[in-house]
PDB file of N, CA and C in Angstrom:
ATOM      1  N   MET A   1      56.398 131.211  18.069  1.00  0.00           N
ATOM      2  CA  MET A   1      55.257 130.752  17.302  1.00  0.00           C
ATOM      3  C   MET A   1      54.099 131.727  17.505  1.00  0.00           C
ATOM      4  N   PRO A   2      53.508 132.208  16.409  1.00  0.00           N
ATOM      5  CA  PRO A   2      52.387 133.132  16.537  1.00  0.00           C
ATOM      6  C   PRO A   2      51.186 132.459  17.194  1.00  0.00           C
ATOM      7  N   LYS A   3      50.408 133.257  17.870  1.00  0.00           N
ATOM      8  CA  LYS A   3      49.229 132.724  18.551  1.00  0.00           C
ATOM      9  C   LYS A   3      48.003 132.848  17.668  1.00  0.00           C
ATOM     10  N   LEU A   4      47.030 132.064  18.015  1.00  0.00           N
ATOM     11  CA  LEU A   4      45.739 132.106  17.343  1.00  0.00           C
ATOM     12  C   LEU A   4      45.054 133.418  17.686  1.00  0.00           C
ATOM     13  N   LYS A   5      44.440 134.054  16.704  1.00  0.00           N
ATOM     14  CA  LYS A   5      43.724 135.303  16.958  1.00  0.00           C
ATOM     15  C   LYS A   5      42.375 135.259  16.256  1.00  0.00           C
ATOM     16  N   PRO A   6      41.408 136.008  16.749  1.00  0.00           N
ATOM     17  CA  PRO A   6      40.092 136.032  16.103  1.00  0.00           C
ATOM     18  C   PRO A   6      40.194 136.565  14.672  1.00  0.00           C
ATOM     19  N   VAL A   7      39.417 135.979  13.764  1.00  0.00           N
ATOM     20  CA  VAL A   7      39.360 136.437  12.377  1.00  0.00           C
ATOM     21  C   VAL A   7      37.897 136.639  11.994  1.00  0.00           C
ATOM     22  N   SER A   8      37.681 137.372  10.916  1.00  0.00           N
ATOM     23  CA  SER A   8      36.306 137.582  10.456  1.00  0.00           C
ATOM     24  C   SER A   8      35.769 136.295   9.842  1.00  0.00           C
ATOM     25  N   TRP A   9      34.465 136.191   9.761  1.00  0.00           N
ATOM     26  CA  TRP A   9      33.865 134.981   9.196  1.00  0.00           C
ATOM     27  C   TRP A   9      34.207 134.834   7.721  1.00  0.00           C
ATOM     28  N   LYS A  10      34.393 135.950   7.018  1.00  0.00           N
ATOM     29  CA  LYS A  10      34.760 135.887   5.601  1.00  0.00           C
ATOM     30  C   LYS A  10      36.166 135.316   5.433  1.00  0.00           C
ATOM     31  N   GLU A  11      37.071 135.707   6.311  1.00  0.00           N
ATOM     32  CA  GLU A  11      38.445 135.192   6.269  1.00  0.00           C
ATOM     33  C   GLU A  11      38.459 133.690   6.556  1.00  0.00           C
ATOM     34  N   PHE A  12      37.660 133.254   7.528  1.00  0.00           N
ATOM     35  CA  PHE A  12      37.613 131.827   7.856  1.00  0.00           C
ATOM     36  C   PHE A  12      36.978 131.035   6.715  1.00  0.00           C
ATOM     37  N   GLU A  13      36.017 131.624   6.008  1.00  0.00           N
ATOM     38  CA  GLU A  13      35.422 130.947   4.855  1.00  0.00           C
ATOM     39  C   GLU A  13      36.439 130.778   3.733  1.00  0.00           C
ATOM     40  N   LYS A  14      37.306 131.761   3.534  1.00  0.00           N
ATOM     41  CA  LYS A  14      38.370 131.625   2.532  1.00  0.00           C
ATOM     42  C   LYS A  14      39.265 130.446   2.879  1.00  0.00           C
ATOM     43  N   PHE A  15      39.574 130.303   4.169  1.00  0.00           N
ATOM     44  CA  PHE A  15      40.386 129.175   4.630  1.00  0.00           C
ATOM     45  C   PHE A  15      39.672 127.858   4.346  1.00  0.00           C
ATOM     46  N   LEU A  16      38.375 127.788   4.644  1.00  0.00           N
ATOM     47  CA  LEU A  16      37.610 126.558   4.414  1.00  0.00           C
ATOM     48  C   LEU A  16      37.583 126.188   2.931  1.00  0.00           C
ATOM     49  N   LYS A  17      37.410 127.177   2.057  1.00  0.00           N
ATOM     50  CA  LYS A  17      37.423 126.912   0.615  1.00  0.00           C
ATOM     51  C   LYS A  17      38.794 126.397   0.185  1.00  0.00           C
ATOM     52  N   PHE A  18      39.848 126.976   0.738  1.00  0.00           N
ATOM     53  CA  PHE A  18      41.215 126.591   0.376  1.00  0.00           C
ATOM     54  C   PHE A  18      41.496 125.129   0.707  1.00  0.00           C
ATOM     55  N   ILE A  19      40.962 124.642   1.827  1.00  0.00           N
ATOM     56  CA  ILE A  19      41.235 123.259   2.226  1.00  0.00           C
ATOM     57  C   ILE A  19      40.235 122.269   1.638  1.00  0.00           C
ATOM     58  N   GLY A  20      39.306 122.745   0.810  1.00  0.00           N
ATOM     59  CA  GLY A  20      38.418 121.838   0.093  1.00  0.00           C
ATOM     60  C   GLY A  20      37.036 121.646   0.672  1.00  0.00           C
ATOM     61  N   CYS A  21      36.619 122.500   1.569  1.00  0.00           N
ATOM     62  CA  CYS A  21      35.263 122.408   2.117  1.00  0.00           C
ATOM     63  C   CYS A  21      34.272 123.050   1.151  1.00  0.00           C
ATOM     64  N   VAL A  22      33.039 122.592   1.220  1.00  0.00           N
ATOM     65  CA  VAL A  22      31.978 123.152   0.387  1.00  0.00           C
ATOM     66  C   VAL A  22      30.858 123.679   1.286  1.00  0.00           C
ATOM     67  N   PHE A  23      30.234 124.753   0.822  1.00  0.00           N
ATOM     68  CA  PHE A  23      29.134 125.355   1.574  1.00  0.00           C
ATOM     69  C   PHE A  23      27.908 124.467   1.447  1.00  0.00           C
ATOM     70  N   LEU A  24      27.299 124.130   2.586  1.00  0.00           N
ATOM     71  CA  LEU A  24      26.129 123.259   2.586  1.00  0.00           C
ATOM     72  C   LEU A  24      24.829 124.031   2.753  1.00  0.00           C
ATOM     73  N   ARG A  25      24.770 124.875   3.790  1.00  0.00           N
ATOM     74  CA  ARG A  25      23.524 125.600   4.042  1.00  0.00           C
ATOM     75  C   ARG A  25      23.774 126.745   5.022  1.00  0.00           C
ATOM     76  N   GLU A  26      22.738 127.568   5.173  1.00  0.00           N
ATOM     77  CA  GLU A  26      22.790 128.691   6.109  1.00  0.00           C
ATOM     78  C   GLU A  26      21.449 128.772   6.815  1.00  0.00           C
ATOM     79  N   LYS A  27      21.501 128.964   8.127  1.00  0.00           N
ATOM     80  CA  LYS A  27      20.272 129.155   8.887  1.00  0.00           C
ATOM     81  C   LYS A  27      20.534 130.261   9.901  1.00  0.00           C
ATOM     82  N   GLY A  28      19.780 131.338   9.793  1.00  0.00           N
ATOM     83  CA  GLY A  28      20.005 132.468  10.682  1.00  0.00           C
ATOM     84  C   GLY A  28      21.364 133.080  10.407  1.00  0.00           C
ATOM     85  N   ASP A  29      22.174 133.197  11.452  1.00  0.00           N
ATOM     86  CA  ASP A  29      23.508 133.774  11.267  1.00  0.00           C
ATOM     87  C   ASP A  29      24.612 132.715  11.330  1.00  0.00           C
ATOM     88  N   HIS A  30      24.268 131.454  11.085  1.00  0.00           N
ATOM     89  CA  HIS A  30      25.261 130.381  11.080  1.00  0.00           C
ATOM     90  C   HIS A  30      25.357 129.770   9.685  1.00  0.00           C
ATOM     91  N   ARG A  31      26.592 129.567   9.234  1.00  0.00           N
ATOM     92  CA  ARG A  31      26.846 128.954   7.937  1.00  0.00           C
ATOM     93  C   ARG A  31      27.475 127.591   8.174  1.00  0.00           C
ATOM     94  N   VAL A  32      27.014 126.597   7.426  1.00  0.00           N
ATOM     95  CA  VAL A  32      27.445 125.214   7.626  1.00  0.00           C
ATOM     96  C   VAL A  32      28.254 124.768   6.411  1.00  0.00           C
ATOM     97  N   TRP A  33      29.457 124.258   6.685  1.00  0.00           N
ATOM     98  CA  TRP A  33      30.373 123.788   5.654  1.00  0.00           C
ATOM     99  C   TRP A  33      30.675 122.318   5.885  1.00  0.00           C
ATOM    100  N   GLY A  34      31.026 121.613   4.819  1.00  0.00           N
ATOM    101  CA  GLY A  34      31.343 120.197   4.945  1.00  0.00           C
ATOM    102  C   GLY A  34      32.447 119.774   3.998  1.00  0.00           C
ATOM    103  N   ARG A  35      32.929 118.572   4.226  1.00  0.00           N
ATOM    104  CA  ARG A  35      33.970 117.971   3.393  1.00  0.00           C
ATOM    105  C   ARG A  35      33.875 116.469   3.590  1.00  0.00           C
ATOM    106  N   THR A  36      34.212 115.695   2.593  1.00  0.00           N
ATOM    107  CA  THR A  36      34.156 114.247   2.748  1.00  0.00           C
ATOM    108  C   THR A  36      35.150 113.815   3.813  1.00  0.00           C
ATOM    109  N   GLY A  37      34.745 112.844   4.596  1.00  0.00           N
ATOM    110  CA  GLY A  37      35.617 112.319   5.638  1.00  0.00           C
ATOM    111  C   GLY A  37      35.457 112.977   6.998  1.00  0.00           C
ATOM    112  N   LEU A  38      34.621 113.997   7.098  1.00  0.00           N
ATOM    113  CA  LEU A  38      34.401 114.656   8.385  1.00  0.00           C
ATOM    114  C   LEU A  38      33.278 113.951   9.133  1.00  0.00           C
ATOM    115  N   LYS A  39      33.438 113.848  10.455  1.00  0.00           N
ATOM    116  CA  LYS A  39      32.400 113.221  11.270  1.00  0.00           C
ATOM    117  C   LYS A  39      31.189 114.124  11.454  1.00  0.00           C
ATOM    118  N   ARG A  40      31.421 115.433  11.409  1.00  0.00           N
ATOM    119  CA  ARG A  40      30.329 116.391  11.572  1.00  0.00           C
ATOM    120  C   ARG A  40      30.643 117.648  10.772  1.00  0.00           C
ATOM    121  N   PRO A  41      29.649 118.456  10.475  1.00  0.00           N
ATOM    122  CA  PRO A  41      29.903 119.659   9.676  1.00  0.00           C
ATOM    123  C   PRO A  41      30.610 120.747  10.484  1.00  0.00           C
ATOM    124  N   VAL A  42      31.205 121.677   9.761  1.00  0.00           N
ATOM    125  CA  VAL A  42      31.865 122.832  10.366  1.00  0.00           C
ATOM    126  C   VAL A  42      30.858 123.977  10.345  1.00  0.00           C
ATOM    127  N   VAL A  43      30.566 124.523  11.510  1.00  0.00           N
ATOM    128  CA  VAL A  43      29.581 125.601  11.630  1.00  0.00           C
ATOM    129  C   VAL A  43      30.300 126.869  12.061  1.00  0.00           C
ATOM    130  N   ILE A  44      30.103 127.944  11.289  1.00  0.00           N
ATOM    131  CA  ILE A  44      30.708 129.216  11.671  1.00  0.00           C
ATOM    132  C   ILE A  44      29.620 130.287  11.757  1.00  0.00           C
ATOM    133  N   PRO A  45      29.699 131.121  12.780  1.00  0.00           N
ATOM    134  CA  PRO A  45      28.728 132.210  12.909  1.00  0.00           C
ATOM    135  C   PRO A  45      29.131 133.392  12.028  1.00  0.00           C
ATOM    136  N   LYS A  46      28.144 134.104  11.510  1.00  0.00           N
ATOM    137  CA  LYS A  46      28.421 135.305  10.723  1.00  0.00           C
ATOM    138  C   LYS A  46      28.543 136.485  11.686  1.00  0.00           C
ATOM    139  N   VAL A  47      29.700 136.586  12.313  1.00  0.00           N
ATOM    140  CA  VAL A  47      29.972 137.679  13.246  1.00  0.00           C
ATOM    141  C   VAL A  47      31.231 138.400  12.785  1.00  0.00           C
ATOM    142  N   LYS A  48      31.426 139.602  13.305  1.00  0.00           N
ATOM    143  CA  LYS A  48      32.567 140.409  12.886  1.00  0.00           C
ATOM    144  C   LYS A  48      33.886 139.682  13.118  1.00  0.00           C
ATOM    145  N   SER A  49      34.056 139.077  14.287  1.00  0.00           N
ATOM    146  CA  SER A  49      35.269 138.294  14.538  1.00  0.00           C
ATOM    147  C   SER A  49      34.888 137.004  15.259  1.00  0.00           C
ATOM    148  N   ILE A  50      35.317 135.885  14.685  1.00  0.00           N
ATOM    149  CA  ILE A  50      35.009 134.574  15.254  1.00  0.00           C
ATOM    150  C   ILE A  50      35.904 134.361  16.471  1.00  0.00           C
ATOM    151  N   PRO A  51      35.335 134.014  17.621  1.00  0.00           N
ATOM    152  CA  PRO A  51      36.138 133.789  18.830  1.00  0.00           C
ATOM    153  C   PRO A  51      37.127 132.634  18.649  1.00  0.00           C
ATOM    154  N   ILE A  52      38.202 132.689  19.398  1.00  0.00           N
ATOM    155  CA  ILE A  52      39.260 131.684  19.300  1.00  0.00           C
ATOM    156  C   ILE A  52      38.730 130.289  19.600  1.00  0.00           C
ATOM    157  N   PHE A  53      37.825 130.147  20.577  1.00  0.00           N
ATOM    158  CA  PHE A  53      37.341 128.807  20.923  1.00  0.00           C
ATOM    159  C   PHE A  53      36.552 128.180  19.775  1.00  0.00           C
ATOM    160  N   VAL A  54      35.864 128.988  18.972  1.00  0.00           N
ATOM    161  CA  VAL A  54      35.129 128.467  17.815  1.00  0.00           C
ATOM    162  C   VAL A  54      36.121 128.015  16.739  1.00  0.00           C
ATOM    163  N   ILE A  55      37.162 128.804  16.522  1.00  0.00           N
ATOM    164  CA  ILE A  55      38.196 128.430  15.549  1.00  0.00           C
ATOM    165  C   ILE A  55      38.862 127.132  15.976  1.00  0.00           C
ATOM    166  N   ARG A  56      39.217 127.031  17.254  1.00  0.00           N
ATOM    167  CA  ARG A  56      39.870 125.824  17.775  1.00  0.00           C
ATOM    168  C   ARG A  56      38.982 124.583  17.621  1.00  0.00           C
ATOM    169  N   ASN A  57      37.701 124.719  17.954  1.00  0.00           N
ATOM    170  CA  ASN A  57      36.773 123.592  17.810  1.00  0.00           C
ATOM    171  C   ASN A  57      36.644 123.159  16.353  1.00  0.00           C
ATOM    172  N   ASN A  58      36.568 124.127  15.441  1.00  0.00           N
ATOM    173  CA  ASN A  58      36.451 123.783  14.027  1.00  0.00           C
ATOM    174  C   ASN A  58      37.734 123.157  13.491  1.00  0.00           C
ATOM    175  N   LEU A  59      38.882 123.596  13.971  1.00  0.00           N
ATOM    176  CA  LEU A  59      40.142 122.966  13.561  1.00  0.00           C
ATOM    177  C   LEU A  59      40.193 121.522  14.052  1.00  0.00           C
ATOM    178  N   ARG A  60      39.661 121.271  15.235  1.00  0.00           N
ATOM    179  CA  ARG A  60      39.617 119.906  15.767  1.00  0.00           C
ATOM    180  C   ARG A  60      38.725 119.031  14.886  1.00  0.00           C
ATOM    181  N   ILE A  61      37.582 119.561  14.464  1.00  0.00           N
ATOM    182  CA  ILE A  61      36.687 118.820  13.574  1.00  0.00           C
ATOM    183  C   ILE A  61      37.388 118.514  12.249  1.00  0.00           C
ATOM    184  N   LEU A  62      38.144 119.490  11.728  1.00  0.00           N
ATOM    185  CA  LEU A  62      38.838 119.334  10.456  1.00  0.00           C
ATOM    186  C   LEU A  62      40.119 118.512  10.576  1.00  0.00           C
ATOM    187  N   ASN A  63      40.526 118.208  11.805  1.00  0.00           N
ATOM    188  CA  ASN A  63      41.768 117.472  12.070  1.00  0.00           C
ATOM    189  C   ASN A  63      42.983 118.226  11.516  1.00  0.00           C
ATOM    190  N   ILE A  64      43.033 119.531  11.794  1.00  0.00           N
ATOM    191  CA  ILE A  64      44.125 120.393  11.355  1.00  0.00           C
ATOM    192  C   ILE A  64      44.777 121.007  12.583  1.00  0.00           C
ATOM    193  N   GLN A  65      46.101 120.969  12.624  1.00  0.00           N
ATOM    194  CA  GLN A  65      46.854 121.556  13.725  1.00  0.00           C
ATOM    195  C   GLN A  65      46.815 123.085  13.616  1.00  0.00           C
ATOM    196  N   VAL A  66      46.964 123.751  14.755  1.00  0.00           N
ATOM    197  CA  VAL A  66      46.964 125.217  14.782  1.00  0.00           C
ATOM    198  C   VAL A  66      48.103 125.752  13.923  1.00  0.00           C
ATOM    199  N   SER A  67      49.270 125.104  13.989  1.00  0.00           N
ATOM    200  CA  SER A  67      50.423 125.562  13.206  1.00  0.00           C
ATOM    201  C   SER A  67      50.135 125.487  11.703  1.00  0.00           C
ATOM    202  N   GLU A  68      49.460 124.420  11.254  1.00  0.00           N
ATOM    203  CA  GLU A  68      49.087 124.296   9.838  1.00  0.00           C
ATOM    204  C   GLU A  68      48.121 125.413   9.446  1.00  0.00           C
ATOM    205  N   TYR A  69      47.154 125.678  10.318  1.00  0.00           N
ATOM    206  CA  TYR A  69      46.166 126.729  10.073  1.00  0.00           C
ATOM    207  C   TYR A  69      46.853 128.085   9.909  1.00  0.00           C
ATOM    208  N   LEU A  70      47.784 128.384  10.801  1.00  0.00           N
ATOM    209  CA  LEU A  70      48.484 129.664  10.738  1.00  0.00           C
ATOM    210  C   LEU A  70      49.338 129.766   9.477  1.00  0.00           C
ATOM    211  N   GLU A  71      49.951 128.663   9.049  1.00  0.00           N
ATOM    212  CA  GLU A  71      50.727 128.665   7.804  1.00  0.00           C
ATOM    213  C   GLU A  71      49.831 128.967   6.607  1.00  0.00           C
ATOM    214  N   ILE A  72      48.659 128.354   6.573  1.00  0.00           N
ATOM    215  CA  ILE A  72      47.730 128.573   5.462  1.00  0.00           C
ATOM    216  C   ILE A  72      47.241 130.017   5.453  1.00  0.00           C
ATOM    217  N   LEU A  73      46.981 130.585   6.624  1.00  0.00           N
ATOM    218  CA  LEU A  73      46.527 131.980   6.687  1.00  0.00           C
ATOM    219  C   LEU A  73      47.590 132.944   6.186  1.00  0.00           C
ATOM    220  N   ASP A  74      48.859 132.606   6.380  1.00  0.00           N
ATOM    221  CA  ASP A  74      49.945 133.482   5.939  1.00  0.00           C
ATOM    222  C   ASP A  74      50.090 133.515   4.422  1.00  0.00           C
ATOM    223  N   LYS A  75      49.544 132.504   3.727  1.00  0.00           N
ATOM    224  CA  LYS A  75      49.681 132.448   2.261  1.00  0.00           C
ATOM    225  C   LYS A  75      48.832 133.466   1.572  1.00  0.00           C
TER     226      LYS A  75
END
């Protein structure tokens, strides 16, 4: 099974759009995304590569397994 690896913020935004999230706002270097049914918004920093712990935390908020995330990225 492939491991989670850091991705650019643009790549992670493509993933968020694919799963139905909408852009809510931006403040500084953080972009906030949302979707109906989420307890809290998904916040991603505009950095060259998003650290694995940020990706993992956002997947937990989205209630998506790592394996599902990796399958979607491969598409």
